Amino acid sequence: MKPLVVAPSDLADGFRLAGIPVIELTEGTDLEEVIRRIKGMPDVALVLVDERYMEPFERAFEDRGWPMVASFPAEEVERERKHSYIDELTLRYLGQKIHVEGESEAWSESEG
């Protein structure tokens, strides 16, 4: 079983250099076709998708146990705070925010 990354051209080469197979997204890429291709790959266990393209992947794989689909953050997406993305992911996949004791105090000190 192997991972697969779905990413735009500017990130694809970095994943390839790390030895991870990539489906490169270019302008005009048909995401539905990419999803059909992935569904036909029985050896793929994990699909990592640039968060900007995650919604159709979530819908397509929500009722399937395999492969697992997760997103990775895109630099172009602005957030109020850095840890907001982690909060969003834990809420999405676990149904709750995970609080680490001392987390808010350490964050406040590093911002000031």
PDB file of N, CA and C in Angstrom:
ATOM      1  N   MET A   1       0.842  -1.166   0.000  1.00  0.00           N
ATOM      2  CA  MET A   1       0.000   0.000   0.000  1.00  0.00           C
ATOM      3  C   MET A   1       0.898   1.243   0.000  1.00  0.00           C
ATOM      4  N   LYS A   2       0.474   2.235  -0.766  1.00  0.00           N
ATOM      5  CA  LYS A   2       1.323   3.420  -0.896  1.00  0.00           C
ATOM      6  C   LYS A   2       0.504   4.699  -0.804  1.00  0.00           C
ATOM      7  N   PRO A   3       1.198   5.822  -0.545  1.00  0.00           N
ATOM      8  CA  PRO A   3       0.524   7.120  -0.545  1.00  0.00           C
ATOM      9  C   PRO A   3       0.507   7.694  -1.953  1.00  0.00           C
ATOM     10  N   LEU A   4      -0.350   8.662  -2.142  1.00  0.00           N
ATOM     11  CA  LEU A   4      -0.438   9.400  -3.393  1.00  0.00           C
ATOM     12  C   LEU A   4      -0.755  10.846  -3.047  1.00  0.00           C
ATOM     13  N   VAL A   5      -0.098  11.769  -3.708  1.00  0.00           N
ATOM     14  CA  VAL A   5      -0.332  13.189  -3.467  1.00  0.00           C
ATOM     15  C   VAL A   5      -1.019  13.787  -4.688  1.00  0.00           C
ATOM     16  N   VAL A   6      -2.025  14.625  -4.437  1.00  0.00           N
ATOM     17  CA  VAL A   6      -2.696  15.376  -5.490  1.00  0.00           C
ATOM     18  C   VAL A   6      -2.372  16.845  -5.216  1.00  0.00           C
ATOM     19  N   ALA A   7      -1.560  17.437  -6.097  1.00  0.00           N
ATOM     20  CA  ALA A   7      -1.054  18.784  -5.819  1.00  0.00           C
ATOM     21  C   ALA A   7      -0.857  19.571  -7.108  1.00  0.00           C
ATOM     22  N   PRO A   8      -0.892  20.900  -6.983  1.00  0.00           N
ATOM     23  CA  PRO A   8      -0.608  21.740  -8.155  1.00  0.00           C
ATOM     24  C   PRO A   8       0.867  21.642  -8.545  1.00  0.00           C
ATOM     25  N   SER A   9       1.143  22.112  -9.740  1.00  0.00           N
ATOM     26  CA  SER A   9       2.490  22.003 -10.310  1.00  0.00           C
ATOM     27  C   SER A   9       3.582  22.556  -9.414  1.00  0.00           C
ATOM     28  N   ASP A  10       3.323  23.673  -8.718  1.00  0.00           N
ATOM     29  CA  ASP A  10       4.375  24.294  -7.910  1.00  0.00           C
ATOM     30  C   ASP A  10       4.781  23.440  -6.708  1.00  0.00           C
ATOM     31  N   LEU A  11       3.977  22.468  -6.309  1.00  0.00           N
ATOM     32  CA  LEU A  11       4.319  21.599  -5.181  1.00  0.00           C
ATOM     33  C   LEU A  11       4.673  20.174  -5.610  1.00  0.00           C
ATOM     34  N   ALA A  12       4.288  19.804  -6.810  1.00  0.00           N
ATOM     35  CA  ALA A  12       4.433  18.419  -7.256  1.00  0.00           C
ATOM     36  C   ALA A  12       5.878  17.926  -7.231  1.00  0.00           C
ATOM     37  N   ASP A  13       6.812  18.726  -7.710  1.00  0.00           N
ATOM     38  CA  ASP A  13       8.204  18.274  -7.780  1.00  0.00           C
ATOM     39  C   ASP A  13       8.788  17.985  -6.402  1.00  0.00           C
ATOM     40  N   GLY A  14       8.424  18.771  -5.408  1.00  0.00           N
ATOM     41  CA  GLY A  14       8.925  18.518  -4.053  1.00  0.00           C
ATOM     42  C   GLY A  14       8.503  17.157  -3.545  1.00  0.00           C
ATOM     43  N   PHE A  15       7.260  16.779  -3.797  1.00  0.00           N
ATOM     44  CA  PHE A  15       6.787  15.458  -3.376  1.00  0.00           C
ATOM     45  C   PHE A  15       7.467  14.359  -4.188  1.00  0.00           C
ATOM     46  N   ARG A  16       7.669  14.614  -5.463  1.00  0.00           N
ATOM     47  CA  ARG A  16       8.368  13.620  -6.299  1.00  0.00           C
ATOM     48  C   ARG A  16       9.792  13.399  -5.801  1.00  0.00           C
ATOM     49  N   LEU A  17      10.461  14.482  -5.422  1.00  0.00           N
ATOM     50  CA  LEU A  17      11.827  14.344  -4.893  1.00  0.00           C
ATOM     51  C   LEU A  17      11.860  13.518  -3.615  1.00  0.00           C
ATOM     52  N   ALA A  18      10.759  13.555  -2.867  1.00  0.00           N
ATOM     53  CA  ALA A  18      10.663  12.757  -1.644  1.00  0.00           C
ATOM     54  C   ALA A  18      10.280  11.311  -1.953  1.00  0.00           C
ATOM     55  N   GLY A  19      10.058  11.001  -3.229  1.00  0.00           N
ATOM     56  CA  GLY A  19       9.745   9.637  -3.621  1.00  0.00           C
ATOM     57  C   GLY A  19       8.270   9.273  -3.535  1.00  0.00           C
ATOM     58  N   ILE A  20       7.411  10.273  -3.463  1.00  0.00           N
ATOM     59  CA  ILE A  20       5.971  10.027  -3.348  1.00  0.00           C
ATOM     60  C   ILE A  20       5.323  10.215  -4.714  1.00  0.00           C
ATOM     61  N   PRO A  21       4.521   9.257  -5.153  1.00  0.00           N
ATOM     62  CA  PRO A  21       3.815   9.426  -6.424  1.00  0.00           C
ATOM     63  C   PRO A  21       2.863  10.623  -6.366  1.00  0.00           C
ATOM     64  N   VAL A  22       2.761  11.347  -7.489  1.00  0.00           N
ATOM     65  CA  VAL A  22       1.972  12.580  -7.530  1.00  0.00           C
ATOM     66  C   VAL A  22       1.065  12.578  -8.750  1.00  0.00           C
ATOM     67  N   ILE A  23      -0.161  13.049  -8.539  1.00  0.00           N
ATOM     68  CA  ILE A  23      -1.013  13.447  -9.655  1.00  0.00           C
ATOM     69  C   ILE A  23      -0.962  14.967  -9.647  1.00  0.00           C
ATOM     70  N   GLU A  24      -0.421  15.499 -10.711  1.00  0.00           N
ATOM     71  CA  GLU A  24      -0.216  16.948 -10.784  1.00  0.00           C
ATOM     72  C   GLU A  24      -1.456  17.642 -11.329  1.00  0.00           C
ATOM     73  N   LEU A  25      -1.890  18.672 -10.621  1.00  0.00           N
ATOM     74  CA  LEU A  25      -3.039  19.458 -11.043  1.00  0.00           C
ATOM     75  C   LEU A  25      -2.552  20.687 -11.796  1.00  0.00           C
ATOM     76  N   THR A  26      -3.064  20.854 -12.998  1.00  0.00           N
ATOM     77  CA  THR A  26      -2.756  22.040 -13.776  1.00  0.00           C
ATOM     78  C   THR A  26      -4.077  22.767 -14.044  1.00  0.00           C
ATOM     79  N   GLU A  27      -3.993  23.960 -14.572  1.00  0.00           N
ATOM     80  CA  GLU A  27      -5.216  24.700 -14.884  1.00  0.00           C
ATOM     81  C   GLU A  27      -6.045  23.877 -15.869  1.00  0.00           C
ATOM     82  N   GLY A  28      -7.301  23.684 -15.543  1.00  0.00           N
ATOM     83  CA  GLY A  28      -8.184  22.912 -16.413  1.00  0.00           C
ATOM     84  C   GLY A  28      -8.229  21.423 -16.101  1.00  0.00           C
ATOM     85  N   THR A  29      -7.505  20.968 -15.085  1.00  0.00           N
ATOM     86  CA  THR A  29      -7.559  19.561 -14.708  1.00  0.00           C
ATOM     87  C   THR A  29      -8.980  19.212 -14.260  1.00  0.00           C
ATOM     88  N   ASP A  30      -9.487  18.102 -14.762  1.00  0.00           N
ATOM     89  CA  ASP A  30     -10.815  17.622 -14.380  1.00  0.00           C
ATOM     90  C   ASP A  30     -10.677  16.805 -13.095  1.00  0.00           C
ATOM     91  N   LEU A  31     -11.119  17.382 -11.972  1.00  0.00           N
ATOM     92  CA  LEU A  31     -10.984  16.700 -10.679  1.00  0.00           C
ATOM     93  C   LEU A  31     -11.785  15.408 -10.631  1.00  0.00           C
ATOM     94  N   GLU A  32     -12.918  15.360 -11.307  1.00  0.00           N
ATOM     95  CA  GLU A  32     -13.715  14.125 -11.326  1.00  0.00           C
ATOM     96  C   GLU A  32     -12.943  12.996 -12.012  1.00  0.00           C
ATOM     97  N   GLU A  33     -12.209  13.328 -13.074  1.00  0.00           N
ATOM     98  CA  GLU A  33     -11.384  12.328 -13.757  1.00  0.00           C
ATOM     99  C   GLU A  33     -10.250  11.857 -12.848  1.00  0.00           C
ATOM    100  N   VAL A  34      -9.638  12.781 -12.120  1.00  0.00           N
ATOM    101  CA  VAL A  34      -8.575  12.421 -11.174  1.00  0.00           C
ATOM    102  C   VAL A  34      -9.140  11.470 -10.112  1.00  0.00           C
ATOM    103  N   ILE A  35     -10.320  11.760  -9.599  1.00  0.00           N
ATOM    104  CA  ILE A  35     -10.949  10.909  -8.587  1.00  0.00           C
ATOM    105  C   ILE A  35     -11.233   9.523  -9.164  1.00  0.00           C
ATOM    106  N   ARG A  36     -11.729   9.436 -10.401  1.00  0.00           N
ATOM    107  CA  ARG A  36     -11.975   8.133 -11.036  1.00  0.00           C
ATOM    108  C   ARG A  36     -10.678   7.342 -11.166  1.00  0.00           C
ATOM    109  N   ARG A  37      -9.596   8.027 -11.547  1.00  0.00           N
ATOM    110  CA  ARG A  37      -8.294   7.346 -11.666  1.00  0.00           C
ATOM    111  C   ARG A  37      -7.864   6.775 -10.328  1.00  0.00           C
ATOM    112  N   ILE A  38      -8.023   7.581  -9.259  1.00  0.00           N
ATOM    113  CA  ILE A  38      -7.596   7.133  -7.933  1.00  0.00           C
ATOM    114  C   ILE A  38      -8.433   5.942  -7.473  1.00  0.00           C
ATOM    115  N   LYS A  39      -9.726   5.979  -7.733  1.00  0.00           N
ATOM    116  CA  LYS A  39     -10.594   4.859  -7.353  1.00  0.00           C
ATOM    117  C   LYS A  39     -10.184   3.567  -8.049  1.00  0.00           C
ATOM    118  N   GLY A  40      -9.522   3.674  -9.184  1.00  0.00           N
ATOM    119  CA  GLY A  40      -9.038   2.508  -9.910  1.00  0.00           C
ATOM    120  C   GLY A  40      -7.638   2.071  -9.512  1.00  0.00           C
ATOM    121  N   MET A  41      -7.082   2.647  -8.460  1.00  0.00           N
ATOM    122  CA  MET A  41      -5.732   2.298  -7.997  1.00  0.00           C
ATOM    123  C   MET A  41      -5.840   1.524  -6.681  1.00  0.00           C
ATOM    124  N   PRO A  42      -5.912   0.201  -6.737  1.00  0.00           N
ATOM    125  CA  PRO A  42      -6.126  -0.582  -5.519  1.00  0.00           C
ATOM    126  C   PRO A  42      -4.955  -0.568  -4.531  1.00  0.00           C
ATOM    127  N   ASP A  43      -3.770  -0.153  -4.976  1.00  0.00           N
ATOM    128  CA  ASP A  43      -2.612  -0.155  -4.090  1.00  0.00           C
ATOM    129  C   ASP A  43      -2.412   1.164  -3.338  1.00  0.00           C
ATOM    130  N   VAL A  44      -3.290   2.155  -3.548  1.00  0.00           N
ATOM    131  CA  VAL A  44      -3.177   3.448  -2.866  1.00  0.00           C
ATOM    132  C   VAL A  44      -3.950   3.392  -1.551  1.00  0.00           C
ATOM    133  N   ALA A  45      -3.246   3.665  -0.453  1.00  0.00           N
ATOM    134  CA  ALA A  45      -3.860   3.621   0.882  1.00  0.00           C
ATOM    135  C   ALA A  45      -4.167   5.008   1.426  1.00  0.00           C
ATOM    136  N   LEU A  46      -3.404   6.006   1.013  1.00  0.00           N
ATOM    137  CA  LEU A  46      -3.555   7.359   1.537  1.00  0.00           C
ATOM    138  C   LEU A  46      -3.440   8.354   0.387  1.00  0.00           C
ATOM    139  N   VAL A  47      -4.424   9.239   0.286  1.00  0.00           N
ATOM    140  CA  VAL A  47      -4.397  10.298  -0.718  1.00  0.00           C
ATOM    141  C   VAL A  47      -4.299  11.620   0.021  1.00  0.00           C
ATOM    142  N   LEU A  48      -3.204  12.354  -0.213  1.00  0.00           N
ATOM    143  CA  LEU A  48      -3.019  13.681   0.369  1.00  0.00           C
ATOM    144  C   LEU A  48      -3.342  14.709  -0.702  1.00  0.00           C
ATOM    145  N   VAL A  49      -4.279  15.608  -0.376  1.00  0.00           N
ATOM    146  CA  VAL A  49      -4.782  16.567  -1.352  1.00  0.00           C
ATOM    147  C   VAL A  49      -4.540  17.987  -0.854  1.00  0.00           C
ATOM    148  N   ASP A  50      -4.073  18.846  -1.722  1.00  0.00           N
ATOM    149  CA  ASP A  50      -3.968  20.271  -1.415  1.00  0.00           C
ATOM    150  C   ASP A  50      -5.341  20.729  -0.938  1.00  0.00           C
ATOM    151  N   GLU A  51      -5.400  21.424   0.199  1.00  0.00           N
ATOM    152  CA  GLU A  51      -6.684  21.769   0.821  1.00  0.00           C
ATOM    153  C   GLU A  51      -7.617  22.558  -0.084  1.00  0.00           C
ATOM    154  N   ARG A  52      -7.079  23.277  -1.050  1.00  0.00           N
ATOM    155  CA  ARG A  52      -7.923  24.051  -1.960  1.00  0.00           C
ATOM    156  C   ARG A  52      -8.801  23.166  -2.840  1.00  0.00           C
ATOM    157  N   TYR A  53      -8.417  21.891  -2.986  1.00  0.00           N
ATOM    158  CA  TYR A  53      -9.142  20.966  -3.857  1.00  0.00           C
ATOM    159  C   TYR A  53      -9.816  19.836  -3.078  1.00  0.00           C
ATOM    160  N   MET A  54      -9.865  19.945  -1.772  1.00  0.00           N
ATOM    161  CA  MET A  54     -10.296  18.840  -0.928  1.00  0.00           C
ATOM    162  C   MET A  54     -11.780  18.494  -1.024  1.00  0.00           C
ATOM    163  N   GLU A  55     -12.646  19.465  -1.181  1.00  0.00           N
ATOM    164  CA  GLU A  55     -14.089  19.216  -1.094  1.00  0.00           C
ATOM    165  C   GLU A  55     -14.590  18.076  -1.998  1.00  0.00           C
ATOM    166  N   PRO A  56     -14.267  18.058  -3.296  1.00  0.00           N
ATOM    167  CA  PRO A  56     -14.774  16.949  -4.119  1.00  0.00           C
ATOM    168  C   PRO A  56     -14.188  15.592  -3.715  1.00  0.00           C
ATOM    169  N   PHE A  57     -12.970  15.588  -3.183  1.00  0.00           N
ATOM    170  CA  PHE A  57     -12.359  14.337  -2.730  1.00  0.00           C
ATOM    171  C   PHE A  57     -13.061  13.819  -1.477  1.00  0.00           C
ATOM    172  N   GLU A  58     -13.398  14.716  -0.563  1.00  0.00           N
ATOM    173  CA  GLU A  58     -14.135  14.316   0.635  1.00  0.00           C
ATOM    174  C   GLU A  58     -15.462  13.680   0.257  1.00  0.00           C
ATOM    175  N   ARG A  59     -16.189  14.313  -0.649  1.00  0.00           N
ATOM    176  CA  ARG A  59     -17.489  13.766  -1.075  1.00  0.00           C
ATOM    177  C   ARG A  59     -17.318  12.406  -1.749  1.00  0.00           C
ATOM    178  N   ALA A  60     -16.335  12.288  -2.611  1.00  0.00           N
ATOM    179  CA  ALA A  60     -16.156  11.061  -3.387  1.00  0.00           C
ATOM    180  C   ALA A  60     -15.731   9.866  -2.539  1.00  0.00           C
ATOM    181  N   PHE A  61     -14.994  10.127  -1.458  1.00  0.00           N
ATOM    182  CA  PHE A  61     -14.449   9.021  -0.671  1.00  0.00           C
ATOM    183  C   PHE A  61     -15.073   8.890   0.716  1.00  0.00           C
ATOM    184  N   GLU A  62     -16.111   9.686   1.019  1.00  0.00           N
ATOM    185  CA  GLU A  62     -16.659   9.680   2.375  1.00  0.00           C
ATOM    186  C   GLU A  62     -17.260   8.347   2.786  1.00  0.00           C
ATOM    187  N   ASP A  63     -17.796   7.573   1.866  1.00  0.00           N
ATOM    188  CA  ASP A  63     -18.409   6.290   2.207  1.00  0.00           C
ATOM    189  C   ASP A  63     -17.471   5.109   1.978  1.00  0.00           C
ATOM    190  N   ARG A  64     -16.242   5.394   1.661  1.00  0.00           N
ATOM    191  CA  ARG A  64     -15.264   4.317   1.409  1.00  0.00           C
ATOM    192  C   ARG A  64     -14.271   4.270   2.563  1.00  0.00           C
ATOM    193  N   GLY A  65     -13.901   3.107   2.947  1.00  0.00           N
ATOM    194  CA  GLY A  65     -12.914   2.961   4.003  1.00  0.00           C
ATOM    195  C   GLY A  65     -11.483   3.119   3.488  1.00  0.00           C
ATOM    196  N   TRP A  66     -11.308   2.953   2.191  1.00  0.00           N
ATOM    197  CA  TRP A  66      -9.983   2.918   1.606  1.00  0.00           C
ATOM    198  C   TRP A  66     -10.020   3.563   0.247  1.00  0.00           C
ATOM    199  N   PRO A  67      -9.157   4.401  -0.148  1.00  0.00           N
ATOM    200  CA  PRO A  67      -8.056   4.957   0.627  1.00  0.00           C
ATOM    201  C   PRO A  67      -8.543   6.051   1.575  1.00  0.00           C
ATOM    202  N   MET A  68      -7.711   6.304   2.565  1.00  0.00           N
ATOM    203  CA  MET A  68      -7.972   7.430   3.455  1.00  0.00           C
ATOM    204  C   MET A  68      -7.572   8.700   2.705  1.00  0.00           C
ATOM    205  N   VAL A  69      -8.381   9.752   2.842  1.00  0.00           N
ATOM    206  CA  VAL A  69      -8.113  11.015   2.155  1.00  0.00           C
ATOM    207  C   VAL A  69      -7.915  12.099   3.207  1.00  0.00           C
ATOM    208  N   ALA A  70      -6.822  12.836   3.098  1.00  0.00           N
ATOM    209  CA  ALA A  70      -6.534  13.935   4.024  1.00  0.00           C
ATOM    210  C   ALA A  70      -5.964  15.103   3.221  1.00  0.00           C
ATOM    211  N   SER A  71      -6.061  16.284   3.787  1.00  0.00           N
ATOM    212  CA  SER A  71      -5.539  17.463   3.094  1.00  0.00           C
ATOM    213  C   SER A  71      -4.273  17.958   3.762  1.00  0.00           C
ATOM    214  N   PHE A  72      -3.512  18.720   3.006  1.00  0.00           N
ATOM    215  CA  PHE A  72      -2.368  19.430   3.578  1.00  0.00           C
ATOM    216  C   PHE A  72      -2.572  20.914   3.284  1.00  0.00           C
ATOM    217  N   PRO A  73      -2.076  21.776   4.160  1.00  0.00           N
ATOM    218  CA  PRO A  73      -2.354  23.209   4.025  1.00  0.00           C
ATOM    219  C   PRO A  73      -1.718  23.825   2.779  1.00  0.00           C
ATOM    220  N   ALA A  74      -2.422  24.787   2.244  1.00  0.00           N
ATOM    221  CA  ALA A  74      -1.919  25.557   1.106  1.00  0.00           C
ATOM    222  C   ALA A  74      -1.483  26.916   1.617  1.00  0.00           C
ATOM    223  N   GLU A  75      -0.329  27.379   1.191  1.00  0.00           N
ATOM    224  CA  GLU A  75       0.177  28.674   1.647  1.00  0.00           C
ATOM    225  C   GLU A  75      -0.729  29.815   1.233  1.00  0.00           C
ATOM    226  N   GLU A  76      -1.435  29.664   0.117  1.00  0.00           N
ATOM    227  CA  GLU A  76      -2.265  30.745  -0.404  1.00  0.00           C
ATOM    228  C   GLU A  76      -3.511  30.999   0.436  1.00  0.00           C
ATOM    229  N   VAL A  77      -3.880  30.039   1.292  1.00  0.00           N
ATOM    230  CA  VAL A  77      -5.076  30.189   2.117  1.00  0.00           C
ATOM    231  C   VAL A  77      -4.681  30.927   3.385  1.00  0.00           C
ATOM    232  N   GLU A  78      -5.291  32.089   3.580  1.00  0.00           N
ATOM    233  CA  GLU A  78      -4.954  32.898   4.748  1.00  0.00           C
ATOM    234  C   GLU A  78      -5.745  32.444   5.961  1.00  0.00           C
ATOM    235  N   ARG A  79      -5.083  32.446   7.109  1.00  0.00           N
ATOM    236  CA  ARG A  79      -5.712  32.064   8.359  1.00  0.00           C
ATOM    237  C   ARG A  79      -5.423  33.137   9.385  1.00  0.00           C
ATOM    238  N   GLU A  80      -6.326  33.284  10.344  1.00  0.00           N
ATOM    239  CA  GLU A  80      -6.110  34.272  11.394  1.00  0.00           C
ATOM    240  C   GLU A  80      -4.949  33.865  12.295  1.00  0.00           C
ATOM    241  N   ARG A  81      -4.887  32.589  12.619  1.00  0.00           N
ATOM    242  CA  ARG A  81      -3.827  32.082  13.489  1.00  0.00           C
ATOM    243  C   ARG A  81      -3.309  30.781  12.904  1.00  0.00           C
ATOM    244  N   LYS A  82      -2.060  30.464  13.135  1.00  0.00           N
ATOM    245  CA  LYS A  82      -1.469  29.267  12.567  1.00  0.00           C
ATOM    246  C   LYS A  82      -2.147  27.989  13.036  1.00  0.00           C
ATOM    247  N   HIS A  83      -2.569  27.937  14.286  1.00  0.00           N
ATOM    248  CA  HIS A  83      -3.141  26.690  14.784  1.00  0.00           C
ATOM    249  C   HIS A  83      -4.595  26.497  14.366  1.00  0.00           C
ATOM    250  N   SER A  84      -5.206  27.439  13.684  1.00  0.00           N
ATOM    251  CA  SER A  84      -6.589  27.301  13.235  1.00  0.00           C
ATOM    252  C   SER A  84      -6.745  26.134  12.272  1.00  0.00           C
ATOM    253  N   TYR A  85      -5.752  25.879  11.432  1.00  0.00           N
ATOM    254  CA  TYR A  85      -5.842  24.775  10.476  1.00  0.00           C
ATOM    255  C   TYR A  85      -5.889  23.440  11.212  1.00  0.00           C
ATOM    256  N   ILE A  86      -5.064  23.291  12.250  1.00  0.00           N
ATOM    257  CA  ILE A  86      -5.078  22.057  13.041  1.00  0.00           C
ATOM    258  C   ILE A  86      -6.425  21.901  13.720  1.00  0.00           C
ATOM    259  N   ASP A  87      -6.961  22.988  14.252  1.00  0.00           N
ATOM    260  CA  ASP A  87      -8.287  22.935  14.869  1.00  0.00           C
ATOM    261  C   ASP A  87      -9.326  22.458  13.855  1.00  0.00           C
ATOM    262  N   GLU A  88      -9.259  23.011  12.649  1.00  0.00           N
ATOM    263  CA  GLU A  88     -10.209  22.629  11.601  1.00  0.00           C
ATOM    264  C   GLU A  88     -10.094  21.144  11.263  1.00  0.00           C
ATOM    265  N   LEU A  89      -8.867  20.639  11.127  1.00  0.00           N
ATOM    266  CA  LEU A  89      -8.668  19.227  10.814  1.00  0.00           C
ATOM    267  C   LEU A  89      -9.173  18.312  11.916  1.00  0.00           C
ATOM    268  N   THR A  90      -8.866  18.637  13.167  1.00  0.00           N
ATOM    269  CA  THR A  90      -9.318  17.758  14.249  1.00  0.00           C
ATOM    270  C   THR A  90     -10.833  17.774  14.364  1.00  0.00           C
ATOM    271  N   LEU A  91     -11.448  18.925  14.140  1.00  0.00           N
ATOM    272  CA  LEU A  91     -12.908  18.969  14.150  1.00  0.00           C
ATOM    273  C   LEU A  91     -13.486  18.145  13.005  1.00  0.00           C
ATOM    274  N   ARG A  92     -12.882  18.240  11.836  1.00  0.00           N
ATOM    275  CA  ARG A  92     -13.386  17.524  10.665  1.00  0.00           C
ATOM    276  C   ARG A  92     -13.249  16.009  10.821  1.00  0.00           C
ATOM    277  N   TYR A  93     -12.075  15.545  11.263  1.00  0.00           N
ATOM    278  CA  TYR A  93     -11.813  14.112  11.278  1.00  0.00           C
ATOM    279  C   TYR A  93     -12.127  13.437  12.606  1.00  0.00           C
ATOM    280  N   LEU A  94     -12.056  14.177  13.710  1.00  0.00           N
ATOM    281  CA  LEU A  94     -12.312  13.577  15.019  1.00  0.00           C
ATOM    282  C   LEU A  94     -13.609  14.063  15.644  1.00  0.00           C
ATOM    283  N   GLY A  95     -14.159  15.147  15.138  1.00  0.00           N
ATOM    284  CA  GLY A  95     -15.402  15.664  15.662  1.00  0.00           C
ATOM    285  C   GLY A  95     -15.245  16.547  16.885  1.00  0.00           C
ATOM    286  N   GLN A  96     -14.016  16.861  17.258  1.00  0.00           N
ATOM    287  CA  GLN A  96     -13.791  17.739  18.402  1.00  0.00           C
ATOM    288  C   GLN A  96     -12.410  18.366  18.309  1.00  0.00           C
ATOM    289  N   LYS A  97     -12.243  19.489  19.001  1.00  0.00           N
ATOM    290  CA  LYS A  97     -10.941  20.145  19.077  1.00  0.00           C
ATOM    291  C   LYS A  97     -10.129  19.470  20.177  1.00  0.00           C
ATOM    292  N   ILE A  98      -8.884  19.310  19.930  1.00  0.00           N
ATOM    293  CA  ILE A  98      -7.999  18.731  20.938  1.00  0.00           C
ATOM    294  C   ILE A  98      -7.255  19.870  21.611  1.00  0.00           C
ATOM    295  N   HIS A  99      -7.377  19.957  22.927  1.00  0.00           N
ATOM    296  CA  HIS A  99      -6.696  21.007  23.684  1.00  0.00           C
ATOM    297  C   HIS A  99      -5.505  20.397  24.406  1.00  0.00           C
ATOM    298  N   VAL A 100      -4.349  21.004  24.236  1.00  0.00           N
ATOM    299  CA  VAL A 100      -3.143  20.567  24.920  1.00  0.00           C
ATOM    300  C   VAL A 100      -2.894  21.533  26.067  1.00  0.00           C
ATOM    301  N   GLU A 101      -2.749  21.015  27.275  1.00  0.00           N
ATOM    302  CA  GLU A 101      -2.534  21.848  28.460  1.00  0.00           C
ATOM    303  C   GLU A 101      -1.347  22.778  28.230  1.00  0.00           C
ATOM    304  N   GLY A 102      -1.546  24.064  28.500  1.00  0.00           N
ATOM    305  CA  GLY A 102      -0.487  25.052  28.338  1.00  0.00           C
ATOM    306  C   GLY A 102      -0.380  25.597  26.929  1.00  0.00           C
ATOM    307  N   GLU A 103      -1.160  25.059  26.000  1.00  0.00           N
ATOM    308  CA  GLU A 103      -1.097  25.480  24.603  1.00  0.00           C
ATOM    309  C   GLU A 103      -1.390  26.967  24.428  1.00  0.00           C
ATOM    310  N   SER A 104      -2.455  27.463  25.025  1.00  0.00           N
ATOM    311  CA  SER A 104      -2.841  28.858  24.816  1.00  0.00           C
ATOM    312  C   SER A 104      -1.849  29.828  25.460  1.00  0.00           C
ATOM    313  N   GLU A 105      -1.292  29.448  26.599  1.00  0.00           N
ATOM    314  CA  GLU A 105      -0.309  30.332  27.245  1.00  0.00           C
ATOM    315  C   GLU A 105       0.954  30.442  26.399  1.00  0.00           C
ATOM    316  N   ALA A 106       1.426  29.318  25.881  1.00  0.00           N
ATOM    317  CA  ALA A 106       2.648  29.335  25.068  1.00  0.00           C
ATOM    318  C   ALA A 106       2.406  30.123  23.776  1.00  0.00           C
ATOM    319  N   TRP A 107       1.213  29.968  23.194  1.00  0.00           N
ATOM    320  CA  TRP A 107       0.894  30.687  21.950  1.00  0.00           C
ATOM    321  C   TRP A 107       0.877  32.191  22.212  1.00  0.00           C
ATOM    322  N   SER A 108       0.259  32.615  23.294  1.00  0.00           N
ATOM    323  CA  SER A 108       0.164  34.045  23.611  1.00  0.00           C
ATOM    324  C   SER A 108       1.529  34.661  23.823  1.00  0.00           C
ATOM    325  N   GLU A 109       2.426  33.922  24.499  1.00  0.00           N
ATOM    326  CA  GLU A 109       3.775  34.442  24.749  1.00  0.00           C
ATOM    327  C   GLU A 109       4.542  34.596  23.444  1.00  0.00           C
ATOM    328  N   SER A 110       4.377  33.626  22.513  1.00  0.00           N
ATOM    329  CA  SER A 110       5.154  33.707  21.268  1.00  0.00           C
ATOM    330  C   SER A 110       4.635  34.787  20.332  1.00  0.00           C
ATOM    331  N   GLU A 111       3.351  35.175  20.481  1.00  0.00           N
ATOM    332  CA  GLU A 111       2.804  36.234  19.636  1.00  0.00           C
ATOM    333  C   GLU A 111       3.223  37.620  20.105  1.00  0.00           C
ATOM    334  N   GLY A 112       3.439  37.772  21.386  1.00  0.00           N
ATOM    335  CA  GLY A 112       3.710  39.088  21.949  1.00  0.00           C
ATOM    336  C   GLY A 112       5.069  39.548  21.788  1.00  0.00           C
TER     337      GLY A 112
END
